[in-house]
Amino acid sequence: MNSYKNKLMSKNGKVIILLAREMLTYYKGDRIRTVSQYTDIFDTARGTVQSALKFLQEINGLKLESRGHLGTFIVDIDYKKLWEVSDFNVIMGVMPLPYSKRYEGLATGFYESFEESEIPFSLAFMRGSSKRIEALNLGKYNFTIISKLAARLEMRKSSNIEIIHEFGEGSYVGNHVIVFRDRNETKIEDGMRIALDPMSIDQLILTSNECIDKEIEYVETPYNQILNKMKNNEIDAAIWNVDEIKEKNLEYNVCPLSSKKTKDLSKEDTIAVVAVSKGNKEFGNILNKFIDLKKVEKIQQKVMNDEIIPKY
């Protein structure tokens, strides 16, 4: 990268970077756009585009062949060299805290897939889907893992993110249930103190729908502190992911969700999606190209079945 630094910092450097990013989405044998098209897309001069294409060929990132009226085709491509000048650097992803084997499996799947692709990668963990979406929109991360429910609700109120991949049911969390402090309780009643995590879009929506028309008291509680507050008699009930209760053999009174709407929403909440900022669309194309996201899910299942040890 250092050998290209001066060139990338030149007046034409931005176009070189943008062209390198586009070429990362192509395969050997593909036809590229015309110089005129790139001139319009990058709002620059023909000479600048031609110079950028020449540079990518000089570093052996590309080998192009003009075939007259048929266009220009890629006859050889070196993704590693293109990556060096793409200015992507380390790919940064952010996902929920790995408190369950399900999340450990996703993290392991991503790490192994990025290692195979020889793409520099780092994965951060952050509580609260709203916080992860905010960090994504601020440009701190290239992608985030959230539930389909959280993504859909975010896209309904704004158009800042888009889903580039949807995993299967059960890839994000297991079933949601109502956890009660009192073993004799089986449904949420008036007067109860109910945990609510405003940072978790999923938990907030599910809780609000399950408690509709109930005279209850909401107690703001970070998701990872809900069971402790229940143990200390600070809350009476909470909507909770059943994974941790099962994995840790916790003894709580657990009942199914009662509201039909909550049950329907809960299905979407079990699905993990990969979301990117709409301002970074080319990254979504690159991620889908280089990372086998179906393999990520297979690795997740192996971790959950204790077939492989988590690595992240």
C-alpha atoms as a PDB file:
ATOM      1  CA  MET A   1       0.000   0.000   0.000  1.00  0.00           C
ATOM      2  CA  ASN A   2       2.845   2.400   0.854  1.00  0.00           C
ATOM      3  CA  SER A   3       4.220   2.095  -2.692  1.00  0.00           C
ATOM      4  CA  TYR A   4       0.878   3.380  -4.046  1.00  0.00           C
ATOM      5  CA  LYS A   5       0.340   6.065  -1.407  1.00  0.00           C
ATOM      6  CA  ASN A   6       1.648   9.039  -3.392  1.00  0.00           C
ATOM      7  CA  LYS A   7      -0.396   8.070  -6.421  1.00  0.00           C
ATOM      8  CA  LEU A   8      -3.586   7.647  -4.400  1.00  0.00           C
ATOM      9  CA  MET A   9      -3.082  11.034  -2.762  1.00  0.00           C
ATOM     10  CA  SER A  10      -2.774  12.720  -6.142  1.00  0.00           C
ATOM     11  CA  LYS A  11      -5.564  14.543  -7.943  1.00  0.00           C
ATOM     12  CA  ASN A  12      -6.537  11.342  -9.738  1.00  0.00           C
ATOM     13  CA  GLY A  13      -6.324   9.183  -6.604  1.00  0.00           C
ATOM     14  CA  LYS A  14     -10.038   9.286  -5.804  1.00  0.00           C
ATOM     15  CA  VAL A  15     -10.943   7.904  -9.238  1.00  0.00           C
ATOM     16  CA  ILE A  16      -8.325   5.139  -8.874  1.00  0.00           C
ATOM     17  CA  ILE A  17      -9.886   4.141  -5.547  1.00  0.00           C
ATOM     18  CA  LEU A  18     -13.435   4.191  -6.931  1.00  0.00           C
ATOM     19  CA  LEU A  19     -12.410   2.169  -9.978  1.00  0.00           C
ATOM     20  CA  ALA A  20     -10.577  -0.379  -7.804  1.00  0.00           C
ATOM     21  CA  ARG A  21     -13.716  -0.803  -5.686  1.00  0.00           C
ATOM     22  CA  GLU A  22     -15.843  -1.347  -8.772  1.00  0.00           C
ATOM     23  CA  MET A  23     -13.381  -3.845 -10.245  1.00  0.00           C
ATOM     24  CA  LEU A  24     -13.523  -5.855  -7.022  1.00  0.00           C
ATOM     25  CA  THR A  25     -17.117  -6.705  -7.944  1.00  0.00           C
ATOM     26  CA  TYR A  26     -16.145  -8.093 -11.366  1.00  0.00           C
ATOM     27  CA  TYR A  27     -14.944 -11.520 -12.454  1.00  0.00           C
ATOM     28  CA  LYS A  28     -12.407 -12.605 -15.039  1.00  0.00           C
ATOM     29  CA  GLY A  29     -14.162 -12.496 -18.414  1.00  0.00           C
ATOM     30  CA  ASP A  30     -16.559  -9.689 -17.462  1.00  0.00           C
ATOM     31  CA  ARG A  31     -17.032  -6.638 -19.652  1.00  0.00           C
ATOM     32  CA  ILE A  32     -16.397  -3.339 -17.869  1.00  0.00           C
ATOM     33  CA  ARG A  33     -18.176  -0.059 -18.499  1.00  0.00           C
ATOM     34  CA  THR A  34     -16.962   2.350 -21.144  1.00  0.00           C
ATOM     35  CA  VAL A  35     -14.662   5.277 -20.375  1.00  0.00           C
ATOM     36  CA  SER A  36     -17.571   7.616 -21.181  1.00  0.00           C
ATOM     37  CA  GLN A  37     -19.778   5.857 -18.622  1.00  0.00           C
ATOM     38  CA  TYR A  38     -17.104   6.128 -15.930  1.00  0.00           C
ATOM     39  CA  THR A  39     -16.638   9.784 -16.841  1.00  0.00           C
ATOM     40  CA  ASP A  40     -20.313  10.399 -16.097  1.00  0.00           C
ATOM     41  CA  ILE A  41     -20.427   8.196 -12.968  1.00  0.00           C
ATOM     42  CA  PHE A  42     -17.360   9.811 -11.352  1.00  0.00           C
ATOM     43  CA  ASP A  43     -18.050  13.282 -12.778  1.00  0.00           C
ATOM     44  CA  THR A  44     -14.514  13.620 -14.093  1.00  0.00           C
ATOM     45  CA  ALA A  45     -12.558  13.927 -17.354  1.00  0.00           C
ATOM     46  CA  ARG A  46     -11.886  11.110 -19.816  1.00  0.00           C
ATOM     47  CA  GLY A  47      -8.174  11.482 -19.316  1.00  0.00           C
ATOM     48  CA  THR A  48      -8.561  10.947 -15.557  1.00  0.00           C
ATOM     49  CA  VAL A  49     -10.478   7.700 -16.083  1.00  0.00           C
ATOM     50  CA  GLN A  50      -7.983   6.484 -18.682  1.00  0.00           C
ATOM     51  CA  SER A  51      -5.090   7.296 -16.355  1.00  0.00           C
ATOM     52  CA  ALA A  52      -6.752   5.421 -13.483  1.00  0.00           C
ATOM     53  CA  LEU A  53      -7.375   2.330 -15.624  1.00  0.00           C
ATOM     54  CA  LYS A  54      -3.767   2.448 -16.812  1.00  0.00           C
ATOM     55  CA  PHE A  55      -2.529   2.607 -13.212  1.00  0.00           C
ATOM     56  CA  LEU A  56      -4.580  -0.445 -12.177  1.00  0.00           C
ATOM     57  CA  GLN A  57      -3.060  -2.337 -15.104  1.00  0.00           C
ATOM     58  CA  GLU A  58       0.481  -1.161 -14.333  1.00  0.00           C
ATOM     59  CA  ILE A  59       0.285  -2.628 -10.811  1.00  0.00           C
ATOM     60  CA  ASN A  60      -1.075  -5.858 -12.329  1.00  0.00           C
ATOM     61  CA  GLY A  61      -4.413  -5.473 -10.588  1.00  0.00           C
ATOM     62  CA  LEU A  62      -6.105  -5.812 -13.954  1.00  0.00           C
ATOM     63  CA  LYS A  63      -5.376  -6.992 -17.437  1.00  0.00           C
ATOM     64  CA  LEU A  64      -7.838  -5.606 -19.977  1.00  0.00           C
ATOM     65  CA  GLU A  65      -8.515  -6.413 -23.597  1.00  0.00           C
ATOM     66  CA  SER A  66     -10.399  -4.192 -26.018  1.00  0.00           C
ATOM     67  CA  ARG A  67     -12.644  -6.110 -28.420  1.00  0.00           C
ATOM     68  CA  GLY A  68     -13.784  -3.263 -30.607  1.00  0.00           C
ATOM     69  CA  HIS A  69     -17.503  -2.616 -30.644  1.00  0.00           C
ATOM     70  CA  LEU A  70     -18.033  -5.464 -28.162  1.00  0.00           C
ATOM     71  CA  GLY A  71     -16.320  -3.455 -25.417  1.00  0.00           C
ATOM     72  CA  THR A  72     -13.414  -3.956 -23.014  1.00  0.00           C
ATOM     73  CA  PHE A  73     -13.087  -7.218 -21.087  1.00  0.00           C
ATOM     74  CA  ILE A  74     -11.126  -8.407 -18.064  1.00  0.00           C
ATOM     75  CA  VAL A  75      -8.687 -11.153 -19.055  1.00  0.00           C
ATOM     76  CA  ASP A  76      -6.955 -11.310 -15.680  1.00  0.00           C
ATOM     77  CA  ILE A  77      -7.631  -9.848 -12.230  1.00  0.00           C
ATOM     78  CA  ASP A  78      -5.724  -9.742  -8.931  1.00  0.00           C
ATOM     79  CA  TYR A  79      -8.181  -9.009  -6.118  1.00  0.00           C
ATOM     80  CA  LYS A  80      -5.451  -8.668  -3.509  1.00  0.00           C
ATOM     81  CA  LYS A  81      -3.778  -5.826  -5.406  1.00  0.00           C
ATOM     82  CA  LEU A  82      -7.090  -4.143  -6.123  1.00  0.00           C
ATOM     83  CA  TRP A  83      -7.925  -4.373  -2.422  1.00  0.00           C
ATOM     84  CA  GLU A  84      -4.645  -2.609  -1.584  1.00  0.00           C
ATOM     85  CA  VAL A  85      -5.686   0.468  -3.545  1.00  0.00           C
ATOM     86  CA  SER A  86      -9.416   0.346  -2.743  1.00  0.00           C
ATOM     87  CA  ASP A  87      -8.898   2.179   0.586  1.00  0.00           C
ATOM     88  CA  PHE A  88     -11.229  -0.286   2.338  1.00  0.00           C
ATOM     89  CA  ASN A  89      -8.431  -1.279   4.725  1.00  0.00           C
ATOM     90  CA  VAL A  90      -9.807  -3.457   7.548  1.00  0.00           C
ATOM     91  CA  ILE A  91     -13.452  -4.477   7.183  1.00  0.00           C
ATOM     92  CA  MET A  92     -15.304  -3.597  10.367  1.00  0.00           C
ATOM     93  CA  GLY A  93     -18.470  -5.399  11.397  1.00  0.00           C
ATOM     94  CA  VAL A  94     -20.576  -5.066  14.545  1.00  0.00           C
ATOM     95  CA  MET A  95     -22.962  -7.594  16.073  1.00  0.00           C
ATOM     96  CA  PRO A  96     -24.661  -8.387  19.413  1.00  0.00           C
ATOM     97  CA  LEU A  97     -22.664  -9.418  22.469  1.00  0.00           C
ATOM     98  CA  PRO A  98     -21.824 -13.141  22.090  1.00  0.00           C
ATOM     99  CA  TYR A  99     -23.721 -14.308  25.176  1.00  0.00           C
ATOM    100  CA  SER A 100     -25.200 -17.338  23.390  1.00  0.00           C
ATOM    101  CA  LYS A 101     -23.856 -20.116  21.190  1.00  0.00           C
ATOM    102  CA  ARG A 102     -26.037 -18.741  18.409  1.00  0.00           C
ATOM    103  CA  TYR A 103     -24.096 -15.457  18.398  1.00  0.00           C
ATOM    104  CA  GLU A 104     -20.778 -17.227  18.958  1.00  0.00           C
ATOM    105  CA  GLY A 105     -21.591 -19.312  15.895  1.00  0.00           C
ATOM    106  CA  LEU A 106     -22.260 -16.254  13.730  1.00  0.00           C
ATOM    107  CA  ALA A 107     -19.038 -14.601  14.899  1.00  0.00           C
ATOM    108  CA  THR A 108     -17.066 -17.771  14.188  1.00  0.00           C
ATOM    109  CA  GLY A 109     -18.628 -18.101  10.736  1.00  0.00           C
ATOM    110  CA  PHE A 110     -17.666 -14.566   9.776  1.00  0.00           C
ATOM    111  CA  TYR A 111     -14.115 -14.883  11.078  1.00  0.00           C
ATOM    112  CA  GLU A 112     -13.469 -18.148   9.246  1.00  0.00           C
ATOM    113  CA  SER A 113     -14.977 -16.839   6.005  1.00  0.00           C
ATOM    114  CA  PHE A 114     -12.924 -13.640   6.055  1.00  0.00           C
ATOM    115  CA  GLU A 115      -9.758 -15.596   6.840  1.00  0.00           C
ATOM    116  CA  GLU A 116     -10.366 -17.833   3.820  1.00  0.00           C
ATOM    117  CA  SER A 117     -10.800 -14.764   1.619  1.00  0.00           C
ATOM    118  CA  GLU A 118      -7.596 -13.193   3.011  1.00  0.00           C
ATOM    119  CA  ILE A 119      -9.492  -9.975   3.682  1.00  0.00           C
ATOM    120  CA  PRO A 120      -8.455  -8.026   6.815  1.00  0.00           C
ATOM    121  CA  PHE A 121     -11.409  -8.130   9.165  1.00  0.00           C
ATOM    122  CA  SER A 122     -12.403  -7.065  12.653  1.00  0.00           C
ATOM    123  CA  LEU A 123     -15.640  -7.759  14.487  1.00  0.00           C
ATOM    124  CA  ALA A 124     -16.925  -5.610  17.321  1.00  0.00           C
ATOM    125  CA  PHE A 125     -19.685  -6.433  19.795  1.00  0.00           C
ATOM    126  CA  MET A 126     -22.264  -3.875  20.883  1.00  0.00           C
ATOM    127  CA  ARG A 127     -25.439  -4.173  22.940  1.00  0.00           C
ATOM    128  CA  GLY A 128     -28.618  -2.756  21.402  1.00  0.00           C
ATOM    129  CA  SER A 129     -29.671  -2.897  17.760  1.00  0.00           C
ATOM    130  CA  SER A 130     -30.428   0.842  17.737  1.00  0.00           C
ATOM    131  CA  LYS A 131     -26.850   1.569  18.830  1.00  0.00           C
ATOM    132  CA  ARG A 132     -25.439  -0.701  16.125  1.00  0.00           C
ATOM    133  CA  ILE A 133     -27.586   0.946  13.443  1.00  0.00           C
ATOM    134  CA  GLU A 134     -26.510   4.383  14.663  1.00  0.00           C
ATOM    135  CA  ALA A 135     -22.837   3.377  14.531  1.00  0.00           C
ATOM    136  CA  LEU A 136     -23.335   2.000  11.014  1.00  0.00           C
ATOM    137  CA  ASN A 137     -24.938   5.227   9.813  1.00  0.00           C
ATOM    138  CA  LEU A 138     -22.087   7.237  11.346  1.00  0.00           C
ATOM    139  CA  GLY A 139     -19.639   5.262   9.236  1.00  0.00           C
ATOM    140  CA  LYS A 140     -17.919   3.551  12.153  1.00  0.00           C
ATOM    141  CA  TYR A 141     -18.635   0.092  10.712  1.00  0.00           C
ATOM    142  CA  ASN A 142     -19.008  -1.368   7.228  1.00  0.00           C
ATOM    143  CA  PHE A 143     -21.836  -3.699   8.192  1.00  0.00           C
ATOM    144  CA  THR A 144     -23.955  -4.744  11.135  1.00  0.00           C
ATOM    145  CA  ILE A 145     -25.793  -7.895  12.134  1.00  0.00           C
ATOM    146  CA  ILE A 146     -29.289  -7.207  13.434  1.00  0.00           C
ATOM    147  CA  SER A 147     -32.639  -8.961  13.377  1.00  0.00           C
ATOM    148  CA  LYS A 148     -34.898  -8.749  10.360  1.00  0.00           C
ATOM    149  CA  LEU A 149     -37.487  -7.123  12.619  1.00  0.00           C
ATOM    150  CA  ALA A 150     -35.106  -4.332  13.675  1.00  0.00           C
ATOM    151  CA  ALA A 151     -33.959  -3.784  10.086  1.00  0.00           C
ATOM    152  CA  ARG A 152     -37.498  -3.630   8.737  1.00  0.00           C
ATOM    153  CA  LEU A 153     -38.613  -1.141  11.378  1.00  0.00           C
ATOM    154  CA  GLU A 154     -35.541   1.022  10.729  1.00  0.00           C
ATOM    155  CA  MET A 155     -36.134   1.003   6.964  1.00  0.00           C
ATOM    156  CA  ARG A 156     -39.760   1.959   7.543  1.00  0.00           C
ATOM    157  CA  LYS A 157     -38.789   5.184   9.326  1.00  0.00           C
ATOM    158  CA  SER A 158     -35.740   6.016   7.189  1.00  0.00           C
ATOM    159  CA  SER A 159     -33.964   4.833   4.057  1.00  0.00           C
ATOM    160  CA  ASN A 160     -30.419   4.906   5.429  1.00  0.00           C
ATOM    161  CA  ILE A 161     -29.790   1.149   5.537  1.00  0.00           C
ATOM    162  CA  GLU A 162     -30.459  -1.846   3.345  1.00  0.00           C
ATOM    163  CA  ILE A 163     -30.362  -5.600   3.867  1.00  0.00           C
ATOM    164  CA  ILE A 164     -27.778  -7.383   1.722  1.00  0.00           C
ATOM    165  CA  HIS A 165     -28.312 -10.878   3.129  1.00  0.00           C
ATOM    166  CA  GLU A 166     -30.972 -12.668   5.131  1.00  0.00           C
ATOM    167  CA  PHE A 167     -30.136 -15.823   7.092  1.00  0.00           C
ATOM    168  CA  GLY A 168     -32.687 -18.478   8.012  1.00  0.00           C
ATOM    169  CA  GLU A 169     -35.158 -18.623  10.902  1.00  0.00           C
ATOM    170  CA  GLY A 170     -33.409 -19.163  14.215  1.00  0.00           C
ATOM    171  CA  SER A 171     -30.162 -17.578  13.020  1.00  0.00           C
ATOM    172  CA  TYR A 172     -30.480 -14.531  15.292  1.00  0.00           C
ATOM    173  CA  VAL A 173     -32.203 -15.813  18.419  1.00  0.00           C
ATOM    174  CA  GLY A 174     -34.339 -18.737  19.493  1.00  0.00           C
ATOM    175  CA  ASN A 175     -37.958 -18.288  20.500  1.00  0.00           C
ATOM    176  CA  HIS A 176     -38.994 -15.388  22.684  1.00  0.00           C
ATOM    177  CA  VAL A 177     -40.869 -16.115  25.884  1.00  0.00           C
ATOM    178  CA  ILE A 178     -42.207 -14.295  28.912  1.00  0.00           C
ATOM    179  CA  VAL A 179     -40.066 -14.857  31.978  1.00  0.00           C
ATOM    180  CA  PHE A 180     -41.789 -14.402  35.362  1.00  0.00           C
ATOM    181  CA  ARG A 181     -40.223 -13.859  38.755  1.00  0.00           C
ATOM    182  CA  ASP A 182     -43.164 -15.525  40.491  1.00  0.00           C
ATOM    183  CA  ARG A 183     -43.512 -19.192  39.546  1.00  0.00           C
ATOM    184  CA  ASN A 184     -47.299 -18.972  39.945  1.00  0.00           C
ATOM    185  CA  GLU A 185     -47.710 -16.323  37.236  1.00  0.00           C
ATOM    186  CA  THR A 186     -48.544 -17.351  33.681  1.00  0.00           C
ATOM    187  CA  LYS A 187     -49.456 -14.043  32.035  1.00  0.00           C
ATOM    188  CA  ILE A 188     -48.735 -10.321  32.338  1.00  0.00           C
ATOM    189  CA  GLU A 189     -51.258  -8.656  34.637  1.00  0.00           C
ATOM    190  CA  ASP A 190     -52.075  -5.058  35.622  1.00  0.00           C
ATOM    191  CA  GLY A 191     -49.723  -3.648  38.249  1.00  0.00           C
ATOM    192  CA  MET A 192     -46.691  -5.677  37.187  1.00  0.00           C
ATOM    193  CA  ARG A 193     -43.222  -4.176  36.740  1.00  0.00           C
ATOM    194  CA  ILE A 194     -42.039  -5.076  33.244  1.00  0.00           C
ATOM    195  CA  ALA A 195     -38.444  -4.773  32.008  1.00  0.00           C
ATOM    196  CA  LEU A 196     -37.963  -2.634  28.895  1.00  0.00           C
ATOM    197  CA  ASP A 197     -34.657  -2.096  27.088  1.00  0.00           C
ATOM    198  CA  PRO A 198     -35.023   1.061  24.926  1.00  0.00           C
ATOM    199  CA  MET A 199     -31.715   0.286  23.174  1.00  0.00           C
ATOM    200  CA  SER A 200     -33.057  -3.007  21.828  1.00  0.00           C
ATOM    201  CA  ILE A 201     -35.571  -2.341  19.068  1.00  0.00           C
ATOM    202  CA  ASP A 202     -36.656  -5.981  19.145  1.00  0.00           C
ATOM    203  CA  GLN A 203     -37.268  -6.231  22.875  1.00  0.00           C
ATOM    204  CA  LEU A 204     -38.989  -2.835  22.966  1.00  0.00           C
ATOM    205  CA  ILE A 205     -41.429  -3.688  20.158  1.00  0.00           C
ATOM    206  CA  LEU A 206     -42.214  -7.181  21.436  1.00  0.00           C
ATOM    207  CA  THR A 207     -42.717  -5.932  24.990  1.00  0.00           C
ATOM    208  CA  SER A 208     -44.923  -3.013  23.929  1.00  0.00           C
ATOM    209  CA  ASN A 209     -47.193  -5.303  21.929  1.00  0.00           C
ATOM    210  CA  GLU A 210     -47.387  -7.968  24.613  1.00  0.00           C
ATOM    211  CA  CYS A 211     -48.340  -5.364  27.223  1.00  0.00           C
ATOM    212  CA  ILE A 212     -50.834  -3.409  25.136  1.00  0.00           C
ATOM    213  CA  ASP A 213     -53.950  -2.360  27.101  1.00  0.00           C
ATOM    214  CA  LYS A 214     -52.263  -3.391  30.376  1.00  0.00           C
ATOM    215  CA  GLU A 215     -51.777  -1.010  33.316  1.00  0.00           C
ATOM    216  CA  ILE A 216     -48.183  -1.946  34.022  1.00  0.00           C
ATOM    217  CA  GLU A 217     -44.999  -0.130  35.042  1.00  0.00           C
ATOM    218  CA  TYR A 218     -42.103  -0.195  32.594  1.00  0.00           C
ATOM    219  CA  VAL A 219     -38.676  -0.443  34.218  1.00  0.00           C
ATOM    220  CA  GLU A 220     -35.862   0.574  31.854  1.00  0.00           C
ATOM    221  CA  THR A 221     -33.338  -2.229  32.030  1.00  0.00           C
ATOM    222  CA  PRO A 222     -30.369  -3.126  29.813  1.00  0.00           C
ATOM    223  CA  TYR A 223     -31.088  -6.497  28.218  1.00  0.00           C
ATOM    224  CA  ASN A 224     -28.112  -8.195  29.875  1.00  0.00           C
ATOM    225  CA  GLN A 225     -29.274  -7.090  33.350  1.00  0.00           C
ATOM    226  CA  ILE A 226     -32.875  -8.298  33.121  1.00  0.00           C
ATOM    227  CA  LEU A 227     -32.390 -11.603  34.943  1.00  0.00           C
ATOM    228  CA  ASN A 228     -30.359  -9.957  37.710  1.00  0.00           C
ATOM    229  CA  LYS A 229     -33.122  -7.415  38.305  1.00  0.00           C
ATOM    230  CA  MET A 230     -35.656 -10.204  38.391  1.00  0.00           C
ATOM    231  CA  LYS A 231     -33.554 -12.054  40.954  1.00  0.00           C
ATOM    232  CA  ASN A 232     -33.352  -8.874  43.074  1.00  0.00           C
ATOM    233  CA  ASN A 233     -37.140  -8.391  42.942  1.00  0.00           C
ATOM    234  CA  GLU A 234     -36.881  -5.164  40.914  1.00  0.00           C
ATOM    235  CA  ILE A 235     -39.057  -6.443  38.060  1.00  0.00           C
ATOM    236  CA  ASP A 236     -41.845  -9.004  37.795  1.00  0.00           C
ATOM    237  CA  ALA A 237     -41.578 -10.104  34.174  1.00  0.00           C
ATOM    238  CA  ALA A 238     -39.750  -9.581  30.890  1.00  0.00           C
ATOM    239  CA  ILE A 239     -39.754 -10.657  27.259  1.00  0.00           C
ATOM    240  CA  TRP A 240     -36.612 -12.721  26.931  1.00  0.00           C
ATOM    241  CA  ASN A 241     -34.745 -14.857  24.442  1.00  0.00           C
ATOM    242  CA  VAL A 242     -34.969 -18.438  25.634  1.00  0.00           C
ATOM    243  CA  ASP A 243     -31.387 -19.299  24.525  1.00  0.00           C
ATOM    244  CA  GLU A 244     -29.578 -18.116  27.636  1.00  0.00           C
ATOM    245  CA  ILE A 245     -32.097 -19.723  29.983  1.00  0.00           C
ATOM    246  CA  LYS A 246     -31.629 -23.108  28.305  1.00  0.00           C
ATOM    247  CA  GLU A 247     -27.860 -22.907  27.894  1.00  0.00           C
ATOM    248  CA  LYS A 248     -27.270 -21.907  31.520  1.00  0.00           C
ATOM    249  CA  ASN A 249     -30.014 -24.121  32.957  1.00  0.00           C
ATOM    250  CA  LEU A 250     -31.561 -21.129  34.737  1.00  0.00           C
ATOM    251  CA  GLU A 251     -34.620 -21.855  36.843  1.00  0.00           C
ATOM    252  CA  TYR A 252     -37.280 -19.346  35.905  1.00  0.00           C
ATOM    253  CA  ASN A 253     -40.967 -19.575  35.205  1.00  0.00           C
ATOM    254  CA  VAL A 254     -41.188 -19.370  31.415  1.00  0.00           C
ATOM    255  CA  CYS A 255     -44.427 -18.989  29.442  1.00  0.00           C
ATOM    256  CA  PRO A 256     -45.115 -18.518  25.712  1.00  0.00           C
ATOM    257  CA  LEU A 257     -46.072 -15.158  24.253  1.00  0.00           C
ATOM    258  CA  SER A 258     -49.825 -14.584  24.363  1.00  0.00           C
ATOM    259  CA  SER A 259     -50.444 -11.836  21.795  1.00  0.00           C
ATOM    260  CA  LYS A 260     -50.911 -12.975  18.174  1.00  0.00           C
ATOM    261  CA  LYS A 261     -49.203  -9.836  16.901  1.00  0.00           C
ATOM    262  CA  THR A 262     -46.240 -10.403  19.205  1.00  0.00           C
ATOM    263  CA  LYS A 263     -45.958 -14.005  18.028  1.00  0.00           C
ATOM    264  CA  ASP A 264     -45.953 -12.875  14.385  1.00  0.00           C
ATOM    265  CA  LEU A 265     -43.322 -10.202  15.049  1.00  0.00           C
ATOM    266  CA  SER A 266     -41.258 -12.665  17.050  1.00  0.00           C
ATOM    267  CA  LYS A 267     -40.751 -14.833  13.958  1.00  0.00           C
ATOM    268  CA  GLU A 268     -38.979 -11.970  12.175  1.00  0.00           C
ATOM    269  CA  ASP A 269     -36.925 -11.364  15.269  1.00  0.00           C
ATOM    270  CA  THR A 270     -35.385 -14.844  15.055  1.00  0.00           C
ATOM    271  CA  ILE A 271     -33.874 -14.060  11.616  1.00  0.00           C
ATOM    272  CA  ALA A 272     -30.408 -12.482  11.404  1.00  0.00           C
ATOM    273  CA  VAL A 273     -29.660 -10.096   8.548  1.00  0.00           C
ATOM    274  CA  VAL A 274     -26.551  -8.317   7.333  1.00  0.00           C
ATOM    275  CA  ALA A 275     -27.240  -4.613   6.826  1.00  0.00           C
ATOM    276  CA  VAL A 276     -25.089  -1.894   5.255  1.00  0.00           C
ATOM    277  CA  SER A 277     -25.448   1.830   4.860  1.00  0.00           C
ATOM    278  CA  LYS A 278     -27.047   2.850   1.563  1.00  0.00           C
ATOM    279  CA  GLY A 279     -24.178   5.284   1.140  1.00  0.00           C
ATOM    280  CA  ASN A 280     -21.813   2.302   0.992  1.00  0.00           C
ATOM    281  CA  LYS A 281     -23.610   0.102  -1.538  1.00  0.00           C
ATOM    282  CA  GLU A 282     -20.454  -1.088  -3.264  1.00  0.00           C
ATOM    283  CA  PHE A 283     -19.348  -2.683  -0.016  1.00  0.00           C
ATOM    284  CA  GLY A 284     -22.489  -4.808   0.032  1.00  0.00           C
ATOM    285  CA  ASN A 285     -21.654  -6.120  -3.442  1.00  0.00           C
ATOM    286  CA  ILE A 286     -18.090  -6.896  -2.365  1.00  0.00           C
ATOM    287  CA  LEU A 287     -19.185  -8.665   0.814  1.00  0.00           C
ATOM    288  CA  ASN A 288     -21.588 -10.877  -1.121  1.00  0.00           C
ATOM    289  CA  LYS A 289     -18.883 -11.627  -3.677  1.00  0.00           C
ATOM    290  CA  PHE A 290     -16.048 -12.587  -1.358  1.00  0.00           C
ATOM    291  CA  ILE A 291     -17.844 -14.037   1.656  1.00  0.00           C
ATOM    292  CA  ASP A 292     -19.861 -17.240   1.463  1.00  0.00           C
ATOM    293  CA  LEU A 293     -22.710 -16.181   3.731  1.00  0.00           C
ATOM    294  CA  LYS A 294     -24.386 -19.587   3.423  1.00  0.00           C
ATOM    295  CA  LYS A 295     -21.205 -21.105   4.812  1.00  0.00           C
ATOM    296  CA  VAL A 296     -21.349 -18.625   7.718  1.00  0.00           C
ATOM    297  CA  GLU A 297     -24.708 -20.094   8.691  1.00  0.00           C
ATOM    298  CA  LYS A 298     -23.407 -23.673   8.371  1.00  0.00           C
ATOM    299  CA  ILE A 299     -20.538 -22.849  10.717  1.00  0.00           C
ATOM    300  CA  GLN A 300     -23.029 -21.295  13.131  1.00  0.00           C
ATOM    301  CA  GLN A 301     -24.939 -24.557  13.243  1.00  0.00           C
ATOM    302  CA  LYS A 302     -21.759 -26.526  13.908  1.00  0.00           C
ATOM    303  CA  VAL A 303     -20.921 -24.270  16.859  1.00  0.00           C
ATOM    304  CA  MET A 304     -24.442 -24.651  18.228  1.00  0.00           C
ATOM    305  CA  ASN A 305     -24.168 -28.437  17.874  1.00  0.00           C
ATOM    306  CA  ASP A 306     -20.788 -28.465  19.665  1.00  0.00           C
ATOM    307  CA  GLU A 307     -19.109 -29.817  16.531  1.00  0.00           C
ATOM    308  CA  ILE A 308     -16.511 -27.023  16.471  1.00  0.00           C
ATOM    309  CA  ILE A 309     -15.117 -24.660  19.102  1.00  0.00           C
ATOM    310  CA  PRO A 310     -16.078 -20.973  18.738  1.00  0.00           C
ATOM    311  CA  LYS A 311     -13.305 -18.721  17.424  1.00  0.00           C
ATOM    312  CA  TYR A 312     -13.715 -14.975  17.273  1.00  0.00           C
END
